[in-house]
Amino acid sequence: MKSNHRLLFVMYLVAGILNLALFLAIPLFHIERANWMNIMFPLLTVIWFANAFVHWRQMKRIHVE
């Protein structure tokens, strides 16, 4: 069975980058930041990057074996 860790790694990495970019671009859209935005956007970014890291390690492990 072919591993899809590379696809998941790229998807999580792109999702983290887009989430971070959207969080930093909120003032450009003249949207007032609510408290939940200040908590959820960085938290989701960390979760996306953590998932990308897990799949990157899986890719390395499969490549070594």
Protein backbone atom coordinates (compact mmCIF):
# COMPACT_ATOMS: atom_id res chain seq x y z
CA MET A 1 0.00 0.00 0.00
CA LYS A 2 1.39 3.36 -1.00
CA SER A 3 1.91 5.80 1.85
CA ASN A 4 0.14 9.14 1.66
CA HIS A 5 2.29 10.82 4.32
CA ARG A 6 3.81 13.16 1.74
CA LEU A 7 0.39 14.39 0.64
CA LEU A 8 -0.78 14.86 4.23
CA PHE A 9 2.48 16.63 5.11
CA VAL A 10 2.01 19.12 2.27
CA MET A 11 -1.66 19.63 3.10
CA TYR A 12 -0.99 20.32 6.79
CA LEU A 13 1.96 22.57 6.01
CA VAL A 14 -0.06 24.64 3.53
CA ALA A 15 -3.01 24.82 5.94
CA GLY A 16 -0.72 26.12 8.69
CA ILE A 17 0.82 28.73 6.41
CA LEU A 18 -2.59 29.89 5.15
CA ASN A 19 -3.96 30.04 8.69
CA LEU A 20 -1.00 32.15 9.82
CA ALA A 21 -1.29 34.42 6.78
CA LEU A 22 -5.01 34.91 7.35
CA PHE A 23 -4.41 35.74 11.02
CA LEU A 24 -1.79 38.34 10.10
CA ALA A 25 -3.98 39.76 7.29
CA ILE A 26 -7.05 40.37 9.46
CA PRO A 27 -6.23 44.09 9.93
CA LEU A 28 -6.05 44.50 6.14
CA PHE A 29 -9.70 43.48 5.88
CA HIS A 30 -10.70 46.01 8.55
CA ILE A 31 -12.12 43.28 10.76
CA GLU A 32 -11.95 43.85 14.49
CA ARG A 33 -10.14 41.01 16.22
CA ALA A 34 -12.19 39.21 18.81
CA ASN A 35 -10.68 37.34 21.74
CA TRP A 36 -11.49 33.97 20.18
CA MET A 37 -9.47 34.94 17.10
CA ASN A 38 -6.42 35.73 19.20
CA ILE A 39 -6.63 32.26 20.75
CA MET A 40 -7.91 30.04 17.96
CA PHE A 41 -5.83 31.19 14.99
CA PRO A 42 -2.43 30.65 16.69
CA LEU A 43 -3.69 27.42 18.27
CA LEU A 44 -4.87 26.05 14.93
CA THR A 45 -1.56 27.09 13.34
CA VAL A 46 0.35 25.12 15.97
CA ILE A 47 -1.91 22.10 15.45
CA TRP A 48 -1.45 22.20 11.64
CA PHE A 49 2.33 22.48 11.97
CA ALA A 50 2.43 19.70 14.58
CA ASN A 51 0.49 17.41 12.24
CA ALA A 52 2.87 18.30 9.40
CA PHE A 53 5.83 17.47 11.66
CA VAL A 54 4.34 14.08 12.57
CA HIS A 55 3.87 13.17 8.91
CA TRP A 56 7.36 14.45 8.06
CA ARG A 57 8.79 12.09 10.68
CA GLN A 58 6.71 9.24 9.24
CA MET A 59 8.08 10.00 5.79
CA LYS A 60 11.65 9.92 7.14
CA ARG A 61 10.99 6.65 8.97
CA ILE A 62 9.57 5.00 5.84
CA HIS A 63 12.45 6.32 3.73
CA VAL A 64 15.08 4.88 6.10
CA GLU A 65 13.48 1.44 6.24
